[in-house]
Amino acid sequence: MMKTNELKKGCRVQLTNGWYATMFDDRKGDTRMAIVEGHVTETDMVYSHDIVRAECNNVWVMVTHTPKQTSLRALTHTLGF
């Protein structure tokens, strides 16, 4: 298991919608900058709570979220985001 705040620039991640992304920053917090491979490939902010798993050193591990990120997830889903 890995916390979202431990994700470093260059780590590959999978999002809740199934898309993949590459971390573009070393920040911590509720949003992170990433190169998202979706319908198009673009650099954009992603919610940390939408990161499901990460690949670091060629090993995929599940990602855990802070209580604040978990509550933000509940709030954004309630609002329809």
PDB file of N, CA and C in Angstrom:
ATOM      1  N   MET A   1       0.834  -1.177   0.000  1.00  0.00           N
ATOM      2  CA  MET A   1       0.000   0.000   0.000  1.00  0.00           C
ATOM      3  C   MET A   1       0.885   1.249   0.000  1.00  0.00           C
ATOM      4  N   MET A   2       0.366   2.295  -0.625  1.00  0.00           N
ATOM      5  CA  MET A   2       1.086   3.554  -0.726  1.00  0.00           C
ATOM      6  C   MET A   2       0.090   4.693  -0.543  1.00  0.00           C
ATOM      7  N   LYS A   3       0.499   5.751   0.121  1.00  0.00           N
ATOM      8  CA  LYS A   3      -0.355   6.927   0.291  1.00  0.00           C
ATOM      9  C   LYS A   3      -0.206   7.834  -0.921  1.00  0.00           C
ATOM     10  N   THR A   4      -1.245   8.572  -1.241  1.00  0.00           N
ATOM     11  CA  THR A   4      -1.192   9.467  -2.399  1.00  0.00           C
ATOM     12  C   THR A   4      -0.104  10.519  -2.238  1.00  0.00           C
ATOM     13  N   ASN A   5       0.170  10.924  -1.023  1.00  0.00           N
ATOM     14  CA  ASN A   5       1.202  11.926  -0.795  1.00  0.00           C
ATOM     15  C   ASN A   5       2.613  11.384  -1.021  1.00  0.00           C
ATOM     16  N   GLU A   6       2.761  10.076  -1.166  1.00  0.00           N
ATOM     17  CA  GLU A   6       4.067   9.473  -1.430  1.00  0.00           C
ATOM     18  C   GLU A   6       4.362   9.343  -2.918  1.00  0.00           C
ATOM     19  N   LEU A   7       3.380   9.651  -3.764  1.00  0.00           N
ATOM     20  CA  LEU A   7       3.575   9.534  -5.209  1.00  0.00           C
ATOM     21  C   LEU A   7       4.513  10.621  -5.704  1.00  0.00           C
ATOM     22  N   LYS A   8       5.525  10.228  -6.445  1.00  0.00           N
ATOM     23  CA  LYS A   8       6.520  11.150  -6.959  1.00  0.00           C
ATOM     24  C   LYS A   8       6.322  11.381  -8.445  1.00  0.00           C
ATOM     25  N   LYS A   9       6.942  12.436  -8.937  1.00  0.00           N
ATOM     26  CA  LYS A   9       6.892  12.758 -10.363  1.00  0.00           C
ATOM     27  C   LYS A   9       7.393  11.562 -11.159  1.00  0.00           C
ATOM     28  N   GLY A  10       6.650  11.189 -12.199  1.00  0.00           N
ATOM     29  CA  GLY A  10       7.029  10.069 -13.052  1.00  0.00           C
ATOM     30  C   GLY A  10       6.340   8.761 -12.714  1.00  0.00           C
ATOM     31  N   CYS A  11       5.704   8.665 -11.525  1.00  0.00           N
ATOM     32  CA  CYS A  11       4.973   7.443 -11.174  1.00  0.00           C
ATOM     33  C   CYS A  11       3.747   7.329 -12.078  1.00  0.00           C
ATOM     34  N   ARG A  12       3.500   6.135 -12.541  1.00  0.00           N
ATOM     35  CA  ARG A  12       2.326   5.875 -13.370  1.00  0.00           C
ATOM     36  C   ARG A  12       1.197   5.468 -12.444  1.00  0.00           C
ATOM     37  N   VAL A  13      -0.001   5.988 -12.685  1.00  0.00           N
ATOM     38  CA  VAL A  13      -1.141   5.691 -11.823  1.00  0.00           C
ATOM     39  C   VAL A  13      -2.350   5.313 -12.666  1.00  0.00           C
ATOM     40  N   GLN A  14      -3.292   4.621 -12.027  1.00  0.00           N
ATOM     41  CA  GLN A  14      -4.575   4.327 -12.655  1.00  0.00           C
ATOM     42  C   GLN A  14      -5.646   5.072 -11.877  1.00  0.00           C
ATOM     43  N   LEU A  15      -6.571   5.685 -12.606  1.00  0.00           N
ATOM     44  CA  LEU A  15      -7.646   6.467 -11.998  1.00  0.00           C
ATOM     45  C   LEU A  15      -8.912   5.618 -11.863  1.00  0.00           C
ATOM     46  N   THR A  16      -9.866   6.098 -11.088  1.00  0.00           N
ATOM     47  CA  THR A  16     -11.090   5.340 -10.834  1.00  0.00           C
ATOM     48  C   THR A  16     -11.883   5.069 -12.104  1.00  0.00           C
ATOM     49  N   ASN A  17     -11.755   5.921 -13.117  1.00  0.00           N
ATOM     50  CA  ASN A  17     -12.496   5.705 -14.365  1.00  0.00           C
ATOM     51  C   ASN A  17     -11.765   4.759 -15.318  1.00  0.00           C
ATOM     52  N   GLY A  18     -10.613   4.214 -14.906  1.00  0.00           N
ATOM     53  CA  GLY A  18      -9.867   3.254 -15.711  1.00  0.00           C
ATOM     54  C   GLY A  18      -8.748   3.864 -16.539  1.00  0.00           C
ATOM     55  N   TRP A  19      -8.721   5.182 -16.653  1.00  0.00           N
ATOM     56  CA  TRP A  19      -7.662   5.835 -17.416  1.00  0.00           C
ATOM     57  C   TRP A  19      -6.342   5.769 -16.658  1.00  0.00           C
ATOM     58  N   TYR A  20      -5.264   5.942 -17.396  1.00  0.00           N
ATOM     59  CA  TYR A  20      -3.931   5.959 -16.803  1.00  0.00           C
ATOM     60  C   TYR A  20      -3.369   7.367 -16.865  1.00  0.00           C
ATOM     61  N   ALA A  21      -2.447   7.656 -15.965  1.00  0.00           N
ATOM     62  CA  ALA A  21      -1.822   8.970 -15.925  1.00  0.00           C
ATOM     63  C   ALA A  21      -0.402   8.827 -15.387  1.00  0.00           C
ATOM     64  N   THR A  22       0.403   9.823 -15.665  1.00  0.00           N
ATOM     65  CA  THR A  22       1.757   9.895 -15.140  1.00  0.00           C
ATOM     66  C   THR A  22       1.852  11.151 -14.288  1.00  0.00           C
ATOM     67  N   MET A  23       2.315  10.994 -13.053  1.00  0.00           N
ATOM     68  CA  MET A  23       2.392  12.135 -12.143  1.00  0.00           C
ATOM     69  C   MET A  23       3.367  13.168 -12.705  1.00  0.00           C
ATOM     70  N   PHE A  24       2.963  14.436 -12.629  1.00  0.00           N
ATOM     71  CA  PHE A  24       3.736  15.521 -13.210  1.00  0.00           C
ATOM     72  C   PHE A  24       4.302  16.450 -12.138  1.00  0.00           C
ATOM     73  N   ASP A  25       4.037  16.142 -10.852  1.00  0.00           N
ATOM     74  CA  ASP A  25       4.568  16.966  -9.773  1.00  0.00           C
ATOM     75  C   ASP A  25       4.915  16.097  -8.570  1.00  0.00           C
ATOM     76  N   ASP A  26       5.566  16.712  -7.595  1.00  0.00           N
ATOM     77  CA  ASP A  26       5.917  16.033  -6.342  1.00  0.00           C
ATOM     78  C   ASP A  26       5.142  16.612  -5.161  1.00  0.00           C
ATOM     79  N   ARG A  27       4.055  17.303  -5.449  1.00  0.00           N
ATOM     80  CA  ARG A  27       3.283  17.954  -4.394  1.00  0.00           C
ATOM     81  C   ARG A  27       2.522  16.947  -3.551  1.00  0.00           C
ATOM     82  N   LYS A  28       1.911  17.463  -2.518  1.00  0.00           N
ATOM     83  CA  LYS A  28       1.024  16.682  -1.663  1.00  0.00           C
ATOM     84  C   LYS A  28      -0.307  17.403  -1.635  1.00  0.00           C
ATOM     85  N   GLY A  29      -1.373  16.681  -1.314  1.00  0.00           N
ATOM     86  CA  GLY A  29      -2.657  17.358  -1.161  1.00  0.00           C
ATOM     87  C   GLY A  29      -3.793  16.699  -1.902  1.00  0.00           C
ATOM     88  N   ASP A  30      -4.889  17.462  -2.034  1.00  0.00           N
ATOM     89  CA  ASP A  30      -6.129  16.934  -2.598  1.00  0.00           C
ATOM     90  C   ASP A  30      -6.135  16.893  -4.121  1.00  0.00           C
ATOM     91  N   THR A  31      -5.315  17.715  -4.772  1.00  0.00           N
ATOM     92  CA  THR A  31      -5.214  17.683  -6.232  1.00  0.00           C
ATOM     93  C   THR A  31      -3.760  17.562  -6.627  1.00  0.00           C
ATOM     94  N   ARG A  32      -3.538  16.862  -7.737  1.00  0.00           N
ATOM     95  CA  ARG A  32      -2.182  16.658  -8.241  1.00  0.00           C
ATOM     96  C   ARG A  32      -2.171  16.905  -9.743  1.00  0.00           C
ATOM     97  N   MET A  33      -1.050  17.368 -10.255  1.00  0.00           N
ATOM     98  CA  MET A  33      -0.879  17.583 -11.682  1.00  0.00           C
ATOM     99  C   MET A  33      -0.400  16.266 -12.303  1.00  0.00           C
ATOM    100  N   ALA A  34      -1.032  15.889 -13.418  1.00  0.00           N
ATOM    101  CA  ALA A  34      -0.680  14.629 -14.065  1.00  0.00           C
ATOM    102  C   ALA A  34      -0.904  14.731 -15.571  1.00  0.00           C
ATOM    103  N   ILE A  35      -0.190  13.906 -16.313  1.00  0.00           N
ATOM    104  CA  ILE A  35      -0.422  13.749 -17.746  1.00  0.00           C
ATOM    105  C   ILE A  35      -1.430  12.618 -17.879  1.00  0.00           C
ATOM    106  N   VAL A  36      -2.648  12.966 -18.212  1.00  0.00           N
ATOM    107  CA  VAL A  36      -3.754  12.004 -18.235  1.00  0.00           C
ATOM    108  C   VAL A  36      -3.957  11.485 -19.649  1.00  0.00           C
ATOM    109  N   GLU A  37      -4.029  10.169 -19.776  1.00  0.00           N
ATOM    110  CA  GLU A  37      -4.269   9.511 -21.062  1.00  0.00           C
ATOM    111  C   GLU A  37      -5.728   9.072 -21.107  1.00  0.00           C
ATOM    112  N   GLY A  38      -6.576   9.951 -21.609  1.00  0.00           N
ATOM    113  CA  GLY A  38      -8.001   9.660 -21.696  1.00  0.00           C
ATOM    114  C   GLY A  38      -8.430   9.647 -23.142  1.00  0.00           C
ATOM    115  N   HIS A  39      -9.515  10.354 -23.448  1.00  0.00           N
ATOM    116  CA  HIS A  39      -9.933  10.485 -24.843  1.00  0.00           C
ATOM    117  C   HIS A  39      -8.839  11.180 -25.634  1.00  0.00           C
ATOM    118  N   VAL A  40      -8.161  12.109 -24.972  1.00  0.00           N
ATOM    119  CA  VAL A  40      -6.951  12.747 -25.499  1.00  0.00           C
ATOM    120  C   VAL A  40      -5.934  12.741 -24.366  1.00  0.00           C
ATOM    121  N   THR A  41      -4.672  12.927 -24.703  1.00  0.00           N
ATOM    122  CA  THR A  41      -3.633  13.012 -23.674  1.00  0.00           C
ATOM    123  C   THR A  41      -3.406  14.479 -23.357  1.00  0.00           C
ATOM    124  N   GLU A  42      -3.545  14.830 -22.075  1.00  0.00           N
ATOM    125  CA  GLU A  42      -3.380  16.219 -21.671  1.00  0.00           C
ATOM    126  C   GLU A  42      -2.834  16.297 -20.254  1.00  0.00           C
ATOM    127  N   THR A  43      -2.190  17.403 -19.967  1.00  0.00           N
ATOM    128  CA  THR A  43      -1.715  17.662 -18.616  1.00  0.00           C
ATOM    129  C   THR A  43      -2.805  18.422 -17.881  1.00  0.00           C
ATOM    130  N   ASP A  44      -3.221  17.884 -16.736  1.00  0.00           N
ATOM    131  CA  ASP A  44      -4.341  18.485 -16.015  1.00  0.00           C
ATOM    132  C   ASP A  44      -4.266  18.095 -14.542  1.00  0.00           C
ATOM    133  N   MET A  45      -5.081  18.744 -13.745  1.00  0.00           N
ATOM    134  CA  MET A  45      -5.178  18.416 -12.328  1.00  0.00           C
ATOM    135  C   MET A  45      -6.124  17.217 -12.161  1.00  0.00           C
ATOM    136  N   VAL A  46      -5.761  16.318 -11.245  1.00  0.00           N
ATOM    137  CA  VAL A  46      -6.636  15.203 -10.895  1.00  0.00           C
ATOM    138  C   VAL A  46      -6.818  15.218  -9.381  1.00  0.00           C
ATOM    139  N   TYR A  47      -7.988  14.793  -8.939  1.00  0.00           N
ATOM    140  CA  TYR A  47      -8.209  14.644  -7.506  1.00  0.00           C
ATOM    141  C   TYR A  47      -7.393  13.454  -7.013  1.00  0.00           C
ATOM    142  N   SER A  48      -6.737  13.630  -5.875  1.00  0.00           N
ATOM    143  CA  SER A  48      -5.954  12.533  -5.295  1.00  0.00           C
ATOM    144  C   SER A  48      -6.830  11.332  -4.966  1.00  0.00           C
ATOM    145  N   HIS A  49      -8.089  11.596  -4.585  1.00  0.00           N
ATOM    146  CA  HIS A  49      -8.969  10.477  -4.224  1.00  0.00           C
ATOM    147  C   HIS A  49      -9.393   9.659  -5.453  1.00  0.00           C
ATOM    148  N   ASP A  50      -9.117  10.143  -6.659  1.00  0.00           N
ATOM    149  CA  ASP A  50      -9.425   9.374  -7.869  1.00  0.00           C
ATOM    150  C   ASP A  50      -8.280   8.454  -8.300  1.00  0.00           C
ATOM    151  N   ILE A  51      -7.179   8.472  -7.574  1.00  0.00           N
ATOM    152  CA  ILE A  51      -6.055   7.585  -7.878  1.00  0.00           C
ATOM    153  C   ILE A  51      -6.284   6.268  -7.151  1.00  0.00           C
ATOM    154  N   VAL A  52      -6.314   5.171  -7.916  1.00  0.00           N
ATOM    155  CA  VAL A  52      -6.625   3.859  -7.350  1.00  0.00           C
ATOM    156  C   VAL A  52      -5.361   3.072  -7.024  1.00  0.00           C
ATOM    157  N   ARG A  53      -4.435   3.041  -7.977  1.00  0.00           N
ATOM    158  CA  ARG A  53      -3.202   2.287  -7.775  1.00  0.00           C
ATOM    159  C   ARG A  53      -2.068   2.981  -8.518  1.00  0.00           C
ATOM    160  N   ALA A  54      -0.843   2.608  -8.142  1.00  0.00           N
ATOM    161  CA  ALA A  54       0.328   3.265  -8.713  1.00  0.00           C
ATOM    162  C   ALA A  54       1.395   2.237  -9.070  1.00  0.00           C
ATOM    163  N   GLU A  55       2.158   2.551 -10.114  1.00  0.00           N
ATOM    164  CA  GLU A  55       3.274   1.701 -10.519  1.00  0.00           C
ATOM    165  C   GLU A  55       4.564   2.459 -10.249  1.00  0.00           C
ATOM    166  N   CYS A  56       5.315   1.955  -9.302  1.00  0.00           N
ATOM    167  CA  CYS A  56       6.626   2.508  -8.998  1.00  0.00           C
ATOM    168  C   CYS A  56       7.601   1.339  -8.929  1.00  0.00           C
ATOM    169  N   ASN A  57       8.712   1.470  -9.615  1.00  0.00           N
ATOM    170  CA  ASN A  57       9.716   0.392  -9.683  1.00  0.00           C
ATOM    171  C   ASN A  57       9.135  -0.881 -10.278  1.00  0.00           C
ATOM    172  N   ASN A  58       8.294  -0.730 -11.307  1.00  0.00           N
ATOM    173  CA  ASN A  58       7.702  -1.850 -12.053  1.00  0.00           C
ATOM    174  C   ASN A  58       6.779  -2.737 -11.222  1.00  0.00           C
ATOM    175  N   VAL A  59       6.245  -2.216 -10.120  1.00  0.00           N
ATOM    176  CA  VAL A  59       5.323  -2.971  -9.278  1.00  0.00           C
ATOM    177  C   VAL A  59       4.076  -2.108  -9.058  1.00  0.00           C
ATOM    178  N   TRP A  60       2.900  -2.692  -9.312  1.00  0.00           N
ATOM    179  CA  TRP A  60       1.641  -1.984  -9.077  1.00  0.00           C
ATOM    180  C   TRP A  60       1.219  -2.197  -7.636  1.00  0.00           C
ATOM    181  N   VAL A  61       0.905  -1.097  -6.930  1.00  0.00           N
ATOM    182  CA  VAL A  61       0.446  -1.172  -5.542  1.00  0.00           C
ATOM    183  C   VAL A  61      -0.831  -0.352  -5.403  1.00  0.00           C
ATOM    184  N   MET A  62      -1.684  -0.752  -4.485  1.00  0.00           N
ATOM    185  CA  MET A  62      -2.909  -0.015  -4.215  1.00  0.00           C
ATOM    186  C   MET A  62      -2.559   1.273  -3.474  1.00  0.00           C
ATOM    187  N   VAL A  63      -3.391   2.282  -3.642  1.00  0.00           N
ATOM    188  CA  VAL A  63      -3.168   3.584  -3.031  1.00  0.00           C
ATOM    189  C   VAL A  63      -4.207   3.813  -1.940  1.00  0.00           C
ATOM    190  N   THR A  64      -3.764   4.330  -0.798  1.00  0.00           N
ATOM    191  CA  THR A  64      -4.683   4.678   0.284  1.00  0.00           C
ATOM    192  C   THR A  64      -4.822   6.195   0.331  1.00  0.00           C
ATOM    193  N   HIS A  65      -5.932   6.635   0.891  1.00  0.00           N
ATOM    194  CA  HIS A  65      -6.241   8.060   0.925  1.00  0.00           C
ATOM    195  C   HIS A  65      -6.335   8.555   2.359  1.00  0.00           C
ATOM    196  N   THR A  66      -6.062   9.837   2.538  1.00  0.00           N
ATOM    197  CA  THR A  66      -6.186  10.451   3.861  1.00  0.00           C
ATOM    198  C   THR A  66      -7.674  10.626   4.184  1.00  0.00           C
ATOM    199  N   PRO A  67      -8.011  10.800   5.451  1.00  0.00           N
ATOM    200  CA  PRO A  67      -9.418  11.049   5.797  1.00  0.00           C
ATOM    201  C   PRO A  67      -9.981  12.276   5.078  1.00  0.00           C
ATOM    202  N   LYS A  68      -9.179  13.319   4.905  1.00  0.00           N
ATOM    203  CA  LYS A  68      -9.643  14.520   4.209  1.00  0.00           C
ATOM    204  C   LYS A  68      -9.960  14.208   2.747  1.00  0.00           C
ATOM    205  N   GLN A  69      -9.119  13.407   2.094  1.00  0.00           N
ATOM    206  CA  GLN A  69      -9.363  13.030   0.703  1.00  0.00           C
ATOM    207  C   GLN A  69     -10.606  12.165   0.587  1.00  0.00           C
ATOM    208  N   THR A  70     -10.825  11.292   1.543  1.00  0.00           N
ATOM    209  CA  THR A  70     -12.013  10.437   1.536  1.00  0.00           C
ATOM    210  C   THR A  70     -13.282  11.275   1.694  1.00  0.00           C
ATOM    211  N   SER A  71     -13.252  12.270   2.577  1.00  0.00           N
ATOM    212  CA  SER A  71     -14.440  13.117   2.753  1.00  0.00           C
ATOM    213  C   SER A  71     -14.667  13.996   1.526  1.00  0.00           C
ATOM    214  N   LEU A  72     -13.595  14.451   0.876  1.00  0.00           N
ATOM    215  CA  LEU A  72     -13.747  15.234  -0.349  1.00  0.00           C
ATOM    216  C   LEU A  72     -14.350  14.382  -1.457  1.00  0.00           C
ATOM    217  N   ARG A  73     -13.973  13.111  -1.517  1.00  0.00           N
ATOM    218  CA  ARG A  73     -14.563  12.193  -2.505  1.00  0.00           C
ATOM    219  C   ARG A  73     -16.067  12.085  -2.306  1.00  0.00           C
ATOM    220  N   ALA A  74     -16.498  11.936  -1.050  1.00  0.00           N
ATOM    221  CA  ALA A  74     -17.925  11.832  -0.754  1.00  0.00           C
ATOM    222  C   ALA A  74     -18.644  13.131  -1.153  1.00  0.00           C
ATOM    223  N   LEU A  75     -18.022  14.269  -0.885  1.00  0.00           N
ATOM    224  CA  LEU A  75     -18.628  15.540  -1.212  1.00  0.00           C
ATOM    225  C   LEU A  75     -18.744  15.731  -2.723  1.00  0.00           C
ATOM    226  N   THR A  76     -17.689  15.430  -3.479  1.00  0.00           N
ATOM    227  CA  THR A  76     -17.737  15.623  -4.928  1.00  0.00           C
ATOM    228  C   THR A  76     -18.731  14.672  -5.582  1.00  0.00           C
ATOM    229  N   HIS A  77     -18.873  13.459  -5.061  1.00  0.00           N
ATOM    230  CA  HIS A  77     -19.851  12.531  -5.637  1.00  0.00           C
ATOM    231  C   HIS A  77     -21.274  12.951  -5.297  1.00  0.00           C
ATOM    232  N   THR A  78     -21.457  13.543  -4.124  1.00  0.00           N
ATOM    233  CA  THR A  78     -22.772  14.053  -3.753  1.00  0.00           C
ATOM    234  C   THR A  78     -23.192  15.197  -4.686  1.00  0.00           C
ATOM    235  N   LEU A  79     -22.219  16.019  -5.046  1.00  0.00           N
ATOM    236  CA  LEU A  79     -22.489  17.166  -5.919  1.00  0.00           C
ATOM    237  C   LEU A  79     -22.527  16.784  -7.402  1.00  0.00           C
ATOM    238  N   GLY A  80     -22.141  15.552  -7.708  1.00  0.00           N
ATOM    239  CA  GLY A  80     -22.226  15.083  -9.097  1.00  0.00           C
ATOM    240  C   GLY A  80     -20.983  15.300  -9.926  1.00  0.00           C
ATOM    241  N   PHE A  81     -19.847  15.487  -9.283  1.00  0.00           N
ATOM    242  CA  PHE A  81     -18.601  15.670 -10.041  1.00  0.00           C
ATOM    243  C   PHE A  81     -17.971  14.356 -10.320  1.00  0.00           C
TER     244      PHE A  81
END
